[in-house]
N, C-alpha and C. Protein backbone atom coordinates (compact mmCIF):
# COMPACT_ATOMS: atom_id res chain seq x y z
N MET A 1 0.85 -1.17 0.00
CA MET A 1 0.00 0.00 0.00
C MET A 1 0.90 1.23 0.00
N LYS A 2 0.69 2.08 -0.98
CA LYS A 2 1.54 3.25 -1.16
C LYS A 2 1.38 4.24 -0.01
N ASP A 3 0.13 4.60 0.30
CA ASP A 3 -0.14 5.54 1.40
C ASP A 3 -0.20 4.79 2.72
N ALA A 4 0.20 5.47 3.77
CA ALA A 4 0.22 4.86 5.09
C ALA A 4 -1.19 4.60 5.61
N LEU A 5 -1.34 3.48 6.25
CA LEU A 5 -2.59 3.12 6.89
C LEU A 5 -2.64 3.75 8.28
N VAL A 6 -3.77 4.34 8.59
CA VAL A 6 -3.99 4.90 9.93
C VAL A 6 -5.19 4.18 10.52
N LEU A 7 -5.01 3.65 11.72
CA LEU A 7 -6.10 3.04 12.47
C LEU A 7 -6.39 3.99 13.63
N ARG A 8 -7.63 4.42 13.74
CA ARG A 8 -7.95 5.39 14.80
C ARG A 8 -9.32 5.11 15.40
N GLU A 9 -9.52 5.66 16.59
CA GLU A 9 -10.82 5.60 17.26
C GLU A 9 -11.81 6.47 16.51
N ALA A 10 -13.00 5.98 16.35
CA ALA A 10 -14.05 6.79 15.74
C ALA A 10 -14.50 7.86 16.72
N VAL A 11 -14.93 8.99 16.17
CA VAL A 11 -15.50 10.09 16.95
C VAL A 11 -16.89 10.41 16.40
N ARG A 12 -17.62 11.23 17.12
CA ARG A 12 -19.00 11.58 16.75
C ARG A 12 -19.13 12.00 15.28
N GLU A 13 -18.16 12.74 14.83
CA GLU A 13 -18.21 13.25 13.45
C GLU A 13 -18.08 12.14 12.40
N ASP A 14 -17.75 10.94 12.82
CA ASP A 14 -17.62 9.81 11.90
C ASP A 14 -18.92 9.04 11.71
N VAL A 15 -20.00 9.47 12.35
CA VAL A 15 -21.21 8.64 12.35
C VAL A 15 -21.74 8.36 10.95
N SER A 16 -21.70 9.31 10.04
CA SER A 16 -22.19 9.05 8.68
C SER A 16 -21.25 8.09 7.96
N THR A 17 -19.96 8.19 8.21
CA THR A 17 -18.99 7.26 7.63
C THR A 17 -19.24 5.85 8.14
N ILE A 18 -19.47 5.73 9.44
CA ILE A 18 -19.74 4.42 10.04
C ILE A 18 -20.99 3.80 9.43
N LEU A 19 -22.06 4.60 9.32
CA LEU A 19 -23.30 4.08 8.74
C LEU A 19 -23.08 3.66 7.29
N GLY A 20 -22.32 4.42 6.55
CA GLY A 20 -22.01 4.05 5.17
C GLY A 20 -21.27 2.73 5.08
N LEU A 21 -20.29 2.54 5.97
CA LEU A 21 -19.54 1.29 5.98
C LEU A 21 -20.43 0.11 6.42
N ILE A 22 -21.33 0.36 7.36
CA ILE A 22 -22.28 -0.68 7.78
C ILE A 22 -23.14 -1.09 6.59
N CYS A 23 -23.61 -0.13 5.84
CA CYS A 23 -24.44 -0.43 4.67
C CYS A 23 -23.66 -1.20 3.60
N GLU A 24 -22.39 -0.85 3.40
CA GLU A 24 -21.55 -1.60 2.46
C GLU A 24 -21.36 -3.03 2.92
N LEU A 25 -21.11 -3.22 4.21
CA LEU A 25 -20.97 -4.56 4.77
C LEU A 25 -22.24 -5.36 4.57
N ALA A 26 -23.38 -4.75 4.87
CA ALA A 26 -24.66 -5.44 4.73
C ALA A 26 -24.90 -5.86 3.29
N SER A 27 -24.53 -5.00 2.36
CA SER A 27 -24.67 -5.33 0.94
C SER A 27 -23.78 -6.52 0.58
N PHE A 28 -22.53 -6.50 1.05
CA PHE A 28 -21.60 -7.60 0.80
C PHE A 28 -22.16 -8.92 1.35
N GLU A 29 -22.77 -8.85 2.54
CA GLU A 29 -23.29 -10.04 3.19
C GLU A 29 -24.70 -10.41 2.70
N LYS A 30 -25.21 -9.64 1.74
CA LYS A 30 -26.56 -9.86 1.20
C LYS A 30 -27.62 -9.72 2.29
N LEU A 31 -27.41 -8.75 3.18
CA LEU A 31 -28.31 -8.53 4.31
C LEU A 31 -28.78 -7.08 4.41
N SER A 32 -28.74 -6.35 3.31
CA SER A 32 -29.13 -4.93 3.34
C SER A 32 -30.53 -4.73 3.89
N HIS A 33 -31.40 -5.68 3.65
CA HIS A 33 -32.78 -5.58 4.12
C HIS A 33 -32.89 -5.58 5.65
N GLN A 34 -31.82 -5.95 6.34
CA GLN A 34 -31.85 -5.99 7.80
C GLN A 34 -31.33 -4.70 8.45
N VAL A 35 -30.77 -3.81 7.67
CA VAL A 35 -30.20 -2.58 8.25
C VAL A 35 -31.31 -1.60 8.59
N VAL A 36 -31.44 -1.32 9.88
CA VAL A 36 -32.39 -0.30 10.34
C VAL A 36 -31.65 0.81 11.10
N ALA A 37 -30.34 0.67 11.23
CA ALA A 37 -29.53 1.69 11.91
C ALA A 37 -29.64 3.01 11.17
N THR A 38 -29.63 4.09 11.94
CA THR A 38 -29.62 5.44 11.39
C THR A 38 -28.50 6.20 12.08
N GLU A 39 -28.18 7.37 11.55
CA GLU A 39 -27.17 8.20 12.21
C GLU A 39 -27.59 8.54 13.63
N GLU A 40 -28.87 8.82 13.81
CA GLU A 40 -29.37 9.17 15.15
C GLU A 40 -29.18 8.01 16.13
N ILE A 41 -29.52 6.80 15.69
CA ILE A 41 -29.34 5.63 16.54
C ILE A 41 -27.88 5.43 16.87
N LEU A 42 -27.00 5.55 15.87
CA LEU A 42 -25.57 5.35 16.10
C LEU A 42 -24.99 6.43 17.01
N LEU A 43 -25.44 7.66 16.86
CA LEU A 43 -24.96 8.73 17.75
C LEU A 43 -25.27 8.38 19.20
N LYS A 44 -26.48 7.90 19.43
CA LYS A 44 -26.90 7.56 20.80
C LYS A 44 -26.15 6.34 21.33
N THR A 45 -26.06 5.28 20.54
CA THR A 45 -25.50 4.03 21.05
C THR A 45 -23.97 3.99 21.07
N LEU A 46 -23.34 4.73 20.17
CA LEU A 46 -21.87 4.72 20.12
C LEU A 46 -21.22 5.91 20.80
N PHE A 47 -21.94 7.05 20.83
CA PHE A 47 -21.32 8.27 21.34
C PHE A 47 -22.19 8.99 22.37
N GLY A 48 -23.26 8.37 22.80
CA GLY A 48 -24.18 9.01 23.74
C GLY A 48 -23.71 8.91 25.18
N GLU A 49 -24.65 9.10 26.08
CA GLU A 49 -24.38 9.10 27.51
C GLU A 49 -23.78 7.78 27.99
N ARG A 50 -24.24 6.69 27.40
CA ARG A 50 -23.74 5.36 27.81
C ARG A 50 -23.38 4.54 26.56
N PRO A 51 -22.21 4.80 25.98
CA PRO A 51 -21.81 4.07 24.77
C PRO A 51 -21.76 2.56 25.03
N VAL A 52 -22.27 1.78 24.10
CA VAL A 52 -22.30 0.33 24.29
C VAL A 52 -21.33 -0.40 23.37
N ALA A 53 -20.67 0.31 22.49
CA ALA A 53 -19.69 -0.30 21.60
C ALA A 53 -18.66 0.75 21.21
N GLU A 54 -17.56 0.26 20.66
CA GLU A 54 -16.50 1.15 20.19
C GLU A 54 -16.21 0.82 18.73
N VAL A 55 -15.67 1.79 18.02
CA VAL A 55 -15.39 1.61 16.60
C VAL A 55 -13.98 2.09 16.30
N LEU A 56 -13.27 1.27 15.55
CA LEU A 56 -11.98 1.67 14.98
C LEU A 56 -12.21 1.89 13.49
N ILE A 57 -11.58 2.91 12.96
CA ILE A 57 -11.68 3.21 11.53
C ILE A 57 -10.29 3.12 10.92
N ALA A 58 -10.22 2.47 9.77
CA ALA A 58 -8.98 2.41 9.01
C ALA A 58 -9.06 3.45 7.91
N GLU A 59 -8.01 4.24 7.78
CA GLU A 59 -7.96 5.27 6.74
C GLU A 59 -6.68 5.12 5.93
N VAL A 60 -6.81 5.37 4.64
CA VAL A 60 -5.67 5.45 3.73
C VAL A 60 -5.83 6.76 2.98
N ALA A 61 -4.82 7.61 3.06
CA ALA A 61 -4.85 8.93 2.42
C ALA A 61 -6.10 9.71 2.79
N GLY A 62 -6.50 9.59 4.07
CA GLY A 62 -7.67 10.33 4.57
C GLY A 62 -9.01 9.71 4.22
N GLU A 63 -9.02 8.62 3.48
CA GLU A 63 -10.28 7.96 3.11
C GLU A 63 -10.54 6.78 4.04
N ALA A 64 -11.76 6.72 4.59
CA ALA A 64 -12.14 5.59 5.43
C ALA A 64 -12.29 4.36 4.53
N VAL A 65 -11.50 3.33 4.83
CA VAL A 65 -11.51 2.13 3.98
C VAL A 65 -11.98 0.89 4.73
N GLY A 66 -12.28 1.03 6.02
CA GLY A 66 -12.76 -0.10 6.78
C GLY A 66 -13.08 0.29 8.21
N PHE A 67 -13.74 -0.63 8.90
CA PHE A 67 -14.06 -0.39 10.30
C PHE A 67 -14.13 -1.70 11.06
N ALA A 68 -13.94 -1.60 12.36
CA ALA A 68 -14.14 -2.71 13.28
C ALA A 68 -14.99 -2.17 14.42
N LEU A 69 -16.13 -2.80 14.65
CA LEU A 69 -17.02 -2.41 15.73
C LEU A 69 -17.03 -3.52 16.75
N TYR A 70 -16.75 -3.19 18.01
CA TYR A 70 -16.64 -4.21 19.06
C TYR A 70 -17.22 -3.70 20.37
N PHE A 71 -17.48 -4.65 21.25
CA PHE A 71 -17.97 -4.32 22.59
C PHE A 71 -17.43 -5.35 23.57
N TYR A 72 -17.62 -5.09 24.84
CA TYR A 72 -17.10 -5.98 25.86
C TYR A 72 -18.19 -6.97 26.29
N SER A 73 -17.75 -8.21 26.40
CA SER A 73 -18.60 -9.28 26.90
C SER A 73 -18.01 -9.71 28.24
N PHE A 74 -18.52 -10.79 28.79
CA PHE A 74 -17.97 -11.29 30.05
C PHE A 74 -18.04 -12.80 30.05
N SER A 75 -16.97 -13.44 30.48
CA SER A 75 -16.93 -14.89 30.61
C SER A 75 -17.04 -15.26 32.08
N THR A 76 -18.12 -15.93 32.43
CA THR A 76 -18.26 -16.36 33.82
C THR A 76 -17.22 -17.41 34.18
N PHE A 77 -16.85 -18.26 33.23
CA PHE A 77 -15.85 -19.29 33.51
C PHE A 77 -14.48 -18.68 33.74
N LEU A 78 -14.12 -17.68 32.96
CA LEU A 78 -12.83 -17.02 33.13
C LEU A 78 -12.86 -15.97 34.25
N GLY A 79 -14.07 -15.47 34.54
CA GLY A 79 -14.19 -14.39 35.53
C GLY A 79 -13.60 -13.10 35.02
N ARG A 80 -13.55 -12.96 33.68
CA ARG A 80 -12.91 -11.79 33.07
C ARG A 80 -13.72 -11.33 31.87
N PRO A 81 -13.52 -10.08 31.49
CA PRO A 81 -14.20 -9.60 30.28
C PRO A 81 -13.55 -10.17 29.03
N GLY A 82 -14.25 -10.03 27.94
CA GLY A 82 -13.73 -10.38 26.63
C GLY A 82 -14.13 -9.29 25.66
N ILE A 83 -13.56 -9.34 24.49
CA ILE A 83 -13.96 -8.41 23.42
C ILE A 83 -14.73 -9.23 22.40
N TYR A 84 -15.90 -8.74 22.04
CA TYR A 84 -16.68 -9.36 20.98
C TYR A 84 -16.63 -8.44 19.76
N LEU A 85 -16.05 -8.94 18.70
CA LEU A 85 -15.95 -8.19 17.44
C LEU A 85 -17.24 -8.42 16.67
N GLU A 86 -18.10 -7.43 16.68
CA GLU A 86 -19.40 -7.55 16.00
C GLU A 86 -19.23 -7.51 14.49
N ASP A 87 -18.43 -6.58 14.01
CA ASP A 87 -18.22 -6.46 12.57
C ASP A 87 -16.82 -5.97 12.26
N LEU A 88 -16.24 -6.55 11.23
CA LEU A 88 -14.99 -6.09 10.67
C LEU A 88 -15.22 -6.05 9.17
N TYR A 89 -14.99 -4.88 8.57
CA TYR A 89 -15.23 -4.72 7.14
C TYR A 89 -14.11 -3.88 6.54
N VAL A 90 -13.61 -4.34 5.41
CA VAL A 90 -12.63 -3.59 4.62
C VAL A 90 -13.17 -3.50 3.20
N LYS A 91 -13.16 -2.30 2.64
CA LYS A 91 -13.65 -2.12 1.27
C LYS A 91 -12.87 -3.01 0.31
N PRO A 92 -13.54 -3.57 -0.70
CA PRO A 92 -12.89 -4.52 -1.61
C PRO A 92 -11.55 -4.08 -2.20
N PRO A 93 -11.38 -2.84 -2.67
CA PRO A 93 -10.06 -2.50 -3.26
C PRO A 93 -8.91 -2.51 -2.25
N PHE A 94 -9.23 -2.54 -0.96
CA PHE A 94 -8.21 -2.46 0.08
C PHE A 94 -8.00 -3.78 0.81
N ARG A 95 -8.65 -4.83 0.35
CA ARG A 95 -8.49 -6.15 0.98
C ARG A 95 -7.15 -6.75 0.58
N LYS A 96 -6.71 -7.68 1.42
CA LYS A 96 -5.44 -8.39 1.21
C LYS A 96 -4.24 -7.45 1.24
N LYS A 97 -4.37 -6.39 2.02
CA LYS A 97 -3.28 -5.42 2.17
C LYS A 97 -2.87 -5.29 3.65
N GLY A 98 -3.36 -6.20 4.49
CA GLY A 98 -2.96 -6.20 5.89
C GLY A 98 -3.86 -5.40 6.82
N ILE A 99 -4.95 -4.82 6.30
CA ILE A 99 -5.81 -3.99 7.14
C ILE A 99 -6.57 -4.83 8.15
N GLY A 100 -7.14 -5.95 7.70
CA GLY A 100 -7.84 -6.82 8.63
C GLY A 100 -6.92 -7.33 9.73
N LYS A 101 -5.71 -7.67 9.35
CA LYS A 101 -4.72 -8.13 10.33
C LYS A 101 -4.39 -7.04 11.33
N ARG A 102 -4.28 -5.80 10.85
CA ARG A 102 -4.02 -4.67 11.76
C ARG A 102 -5.16 -4.49 12.74
N PHE A 103 -6.41 -4.60 12.25
CA PHE A 103 -7.56 -4.50 13.15
C PHE A 103 -7.48 -5.57 14.24
N LEU A 104 -7.24 -6.81 13.86
CA LEU A 104 -7.21 -7.89 14.84
C LEU A 104 -6.02 -7.76 15.78
N HIS A 105 -4.89 -7.30 15.26
CA HIS A 105 -3.74 -7.03 16.12
C HIS A 105 -4.12 -6.00 17.19
N GLU A 106 -4.77 -4.92 16.76
CA GLU A 106 -5.14 -3.87 17.71
C GLU A 106 -6.16 -4.37 18.73
N LEU A 107 -7.12 -5.16 18.29
CA LEU A 107 -8.10 -5.70 19.24
C LEU A 107 -7.44 -6.66 20.23
N ALA A 108 -6.52 -7.50 19.74
CA ALA A 108 -5.79 -8.41 20.63
C ALA A 108 -4.94 -7.62 21.63
N ARG A 109 -4.30 -6.56 21.14
CA ARG A 109 -3.49 -5.71 22.03
C ARG A 109 -4.35 -5.10 23.13
N ARG A 110 -5.52 -4.59 22.73
CA ARG A 110 -6.43 -4.00 23.72
C ARG A 110 -6.92 -5.06 24.70
N ALA A 111 -7.23 -6.25 24.20
CA ALA A 111 -7.70 -7.32 25.07
C ALA A 111 -6.65 -7.66 26.13
N VAL A 112 -5.40 -7.78 25.72
CA VAL A 112 -4.33 -8.10 26.67
C VAL A 112 -4.14 -6.94 27.64
N GLU A 113 -4.10 -5.71 27.12
CA GLU A 113 -3.91 -4.53 27.95
C GLU A 113 -5.03 -4.38 28.99
N ARG A 114 -6.24 -4.73 28.61
CA ARG A 114 -7.41 -4.56 29.49
C ARG A 114 -7.76 -5.84 30.25
N GLU A 115 -6.84 -6.79 30.24
CA GLU A 115 -6.97 -8.06 30.97
C GLU A 115 -8.21 -8.85 30.57
N CYS A 116 -8.51 -8.84 29.29
CA CYS A 116 -9.60 -9.65 28.76
C CYS A 116 -9.10 -11.08 28.55
N GLY A 117 -10.01 -12.02 28.65
CA GLY A 117 -9.64 -13.41 28.49
C GLY A 117 -9.72 -13.92 27.07
N ARG A 118 -10.39 -13.16 26.17
CA ARG A 118 -10.55 -13.64 24.80
C ARG A 118 -11.09 -12.56 23.89
N VAL A 119 -10.94 -12.82 22.61
CA VAL A 119 -11.57 -12.03 21.56
C VAL A 119 -12.37 -13.03 20.74
N GLU A 120 -13.64 -12.72 20.50
CA GLU A 120 -14.52 -13.63 19.76
C GLU A 120 -15.26 -12.88 18.68
N TRP A 121 -15.73 -13.63 17.68
CA TRP A 121 -16.54 -13.07 16.61
C TRP A 121 -17.22 -14.21 15.88
N ALA A 122 -18.13 -13.86 15.01
CA ALA A 122 -18.81 -14.84 14.15
C ALA A 122 -18.52 -14.49 12.71
N VAL A 123 -18.59 -15.49 11.85
CA VAL A 123 -18.38 -15.28 10.42
C VAL A 123 -19.41 -16.11 9.68
N LEU A 124 -19.93 -15.57 8.61
CA LEU A 124 -20.89 -16.32 7.80
C LEU A 124 -20.22 -17.55 7.21
N ASP A 125 -20.92 -18.67 7.22
CA ASP A 125 -20.31 -19.94 6.79
C ASP A 125 -19.91 -19.97 5.33
N TRP A 126 -20.44 -19.07 4.51
CA TRP A 126 -20.08 -19.04 3.09
C TRP A 126 -18.88 -18.13 2.80
N ASN A 127 -18.43 -17.38 3.79
CA ASN A 127 -17.34 -16.43 3.58
C ASN A 127 -15.99 -17.12 3.76
N ARG A 128 -15.65 -17.96 2.79
CA ARG A 128 -14.44 -18.78 2.85
C ARG A 128 -13.17 -17.93 2.95
N SER A 129 -13.15 -16.79 2.29
CA SER A 129 -11.98 -15.92 2.34
C SER A 129 -11.72 -15.45 3.78
N ALA A 130 -12.78 -14.99 4.46
CA ALA A 130 -12.63 -14.54 5.84
C ALA A 130 -12.26 -15.70 6.76
N ILE A 131 -12.89 -16.86 6.56
CA ILE A 131 -12.59 -18.02 7.39
C ILE A 131 -11.11 -18.40 7.24
N GLY A 132 -10.62 -18.43 6.02
CA GLY A 132 -9.21 -18.74 5.79
C GLY A 132 -8.29 -17.73 6.46
N PHE A 133 -8.65 -16.46 6.37
CA PHE A 133 -7.86 -15.40 7.00
C PHE A 133 -7.82 -15.59 8.51
N TYR A 134 -8.99 -15.79 9.13
CA TYR A 134 -9.04 -15.95 10.59
C TYR A 134 -8.26 -17.18 11.04
N GLU A 135 -8.39 -18.27 10.31
CA GLU A 135 -7.67 -19.48 10.69
C GLU A 135 -6.17 -19.32 10.50
N SER A 136 -5.75 -18.48 9.54
CA SER A 136 -4.32 -18.24 9.35
C SER A 136 -3.71 -17.51 10.54
N LEU A 137 -4.55 -16.81 11.30
CA LEU A 137 -4.09 -16.11 12.50
C LEU A 137 -4.05 -17.02 13.72
N GLY A 138 -4.63 -18.21 13.59
CA GLY A 138 -4.69 -19.13 14.72
C GLY A 138 -6.05 -19.21 15.36
N ALA A 139 -7.03 -18.47 14.85
CA ALA A 139 -8.39 -18.54 15.39
C ALA A 139 -9.01 -19.88 15.00
N ARG A 140 -9.84 -20.41 15.86
CA ARG A 140 -10.49 -21.69 15.61
C ARG A 140 -12.00 -21.55 15.77
N PRO A 141 -12.75 -22.26 14.94
CA PRO A 141 -14.22 -22.19 15.06
C PRO A 141 -14.69 -22.89 16.33
N MET A 142 -15.77 -22.40 16.87
CA MET A 142 -16.39 -22.99 18.06
C MET A 142 -17.55 -23.86 17.59
N SER A 143 -17.24 -24.97 16.95
CA SER A 143 -18.27 -25.78 16.31
C SER A 143 -19.18 -26.50 17.30
N ASP A 144 -18.82 -26.52 18.56
CA ASP A 144 -19.66 -27.19 19.55
C ASP A 144 -20.70 -26.25 20.17
N TRP A 145 -20.75 -25.01 19.71
CA TRP A 145 -21.72 -24.04 20.21
C TRP A 145 -22.63 -23.63 19.07
N ILE A 146 -23.90 -23.43 19.37
CA ILE A 146 -24.87 -22.93 18.40
C ILE A 146 -25.31 -21.55 18.88
N THR A 147 -25.25 -20.57 18.01
CA THR A 147 -25.67 -19.22 18.35
C THR A 147 -27.19 -19.10 18.19
N TYR A 148 -27.83 -18.54 19.19
CA TYR A 148 -29.27 -18.27 19.12
C TYR A 148 -29.49 -16.77 19.20
N ARG A 149 -30.64 -16.32 18.68
CA ARG A 149 -30.92 -14.90 18.66
C ARG A 149 -32.42 -14.67 18.80
N LEU A 150 -32.77 -13.69 19.61
CA LEU A 150 -34.14 -13.18 19.69
C LEU A 150 -34.15 -11.77 19.14
N THR A 151 -35.03 -11.49 18.20
CA THR A 151 -35.18 -10.15 17.65
C THR A 151 -36.64 -9.89 17.36
N GLY A 152 -36.95 -8.64 17.06
CA GLY A 152 -38.28 -8.26 16.58
C GLY A 152 -39.41 -8.73 17.46
N ASP A 153 -40.42 -9.30 16.82
CA ASP A 153 -41.63 -9.73 17.53
C ASP A 153 -41.33 -10.76 18.61
N GLU A 154 -40.40 -11.68 18.33
CA GLU A 154 -40.07 -12.71 19.32
C GLU A 154 -39.46 -12.08 20.57
N LEU A 155 -38.58 -11.11 20.39
CA LEU A 155 -37.97 -10.43 21.51
C LEU A 155 -39.04 -9.71 22.32
N GLU A 156 -39.94 -9.02 21.64
CA GLU A 156 -41.03 -8.32 22.33
C GLU A 156 -41.90 -9.30 23.10
N ARG A 157 -42.22 -10.43 22.48
CA ARG A 157 -43.08 -11.43 23.13
C ARG A 157 -42.43 -11.97 24.39
N VAL A 158 -41.15 -12.32 24.32
CA VAL A 158 -40.45 -12.87 25.47
C VAL A 158 -40.30 -11.82 26.57
N ALA A 159 -40.17 -10.57 26.19
CA ALA A 159 -40.03 -9.49 27.16
C ALA A 159 -41.31 -9.25 27.96
N GLN A 160 -42.43 -9.67 27.40
CA GLN A 160 -43.71 -9.47 28.09
C GLN A 160 -43.81 -10.42 29.27
N GLU A 161 -44.17 -9.89 30.40
CA GLU A 161 -44.25 -10.67 31.64
C GLU A 161 -45.21 -11.84 31.54
N ASP A 162 -46.30 -11.68 30.85
CA ASP A 162 -47.31 -12.72 30.79
C ASP A 162 -47.10 -13.70 29.63
N ALA A 163 -45.93 -13.70 29.04
CA ALA A 163 -45.67 -14.56 27.89
C ALA A 163 -45.45 -16.01 28.28
N PHE A 164 -45.24 -16.27 29.55
CA PHE A 164 -44.92 -17.63 29.98
C PHE A 164 -46.01 -18.18 30.88
N THR A 165 -46.15 -19.48 30.87
CA THR A 165 -47.14 -20.13 31.73
C THR A 165 -46.62 -20.17 33.15
N GLU A 166 -47.48 -20.52 34.06
CA GLU A 166 -47.11 -20.54 35.47
C GLU A 166 -46.06 -21.61 35.80
N ASN A 167 -45.92 -22.63 34.96
CA ASN A 167 -44.93 -23.65 35.27
C ASN A 167 -43.54 -23.28 34.75
N GLY A 168 -43.37 -22.06 34.30
CA GLY A 168 -42.05 -21.56 33.91
C GLY A 168 -41.67 -21.80 32.47
N GLU A 169 -42.55 -22.38 31.67
CA GLU A 169 -42.23 -22.63 30.26
C GLU A 169 -42.66 -21.49 29.39
């Protein structure tokens, strides 16, 4: 890469850039129909009174070329926090130039510095390029775990107090 790569913390003024990168990622993953994030939502959740995630932005010659969005989890078995990498995205012309590796290096550095026990993430099973990259770093799939998710109507239903019978089911 001719121009130097800069990895930096996102700031409030980056919210439109972050949303743009999220939309590009969603398009790549064929999940654009699931994006409901807005600049207003991101301002509140990433830069508001109680931020729930952090974002690193990769820039080349002042252009945002990728992002990593992560938050802290907790392992009861380890008794320590962990970093959960929600999304890592690099624009196609900038892939295979070490940017993804720099993101993961920085997250690993932060995890060690902050006494985290692990860094975790998920990858779509069809994304062979990403899987190969992650495995080249020494990451291993957690094939004995199944990820579950509640969203939308199901989340609302479960949140309702009267959604369950008296026997706890």
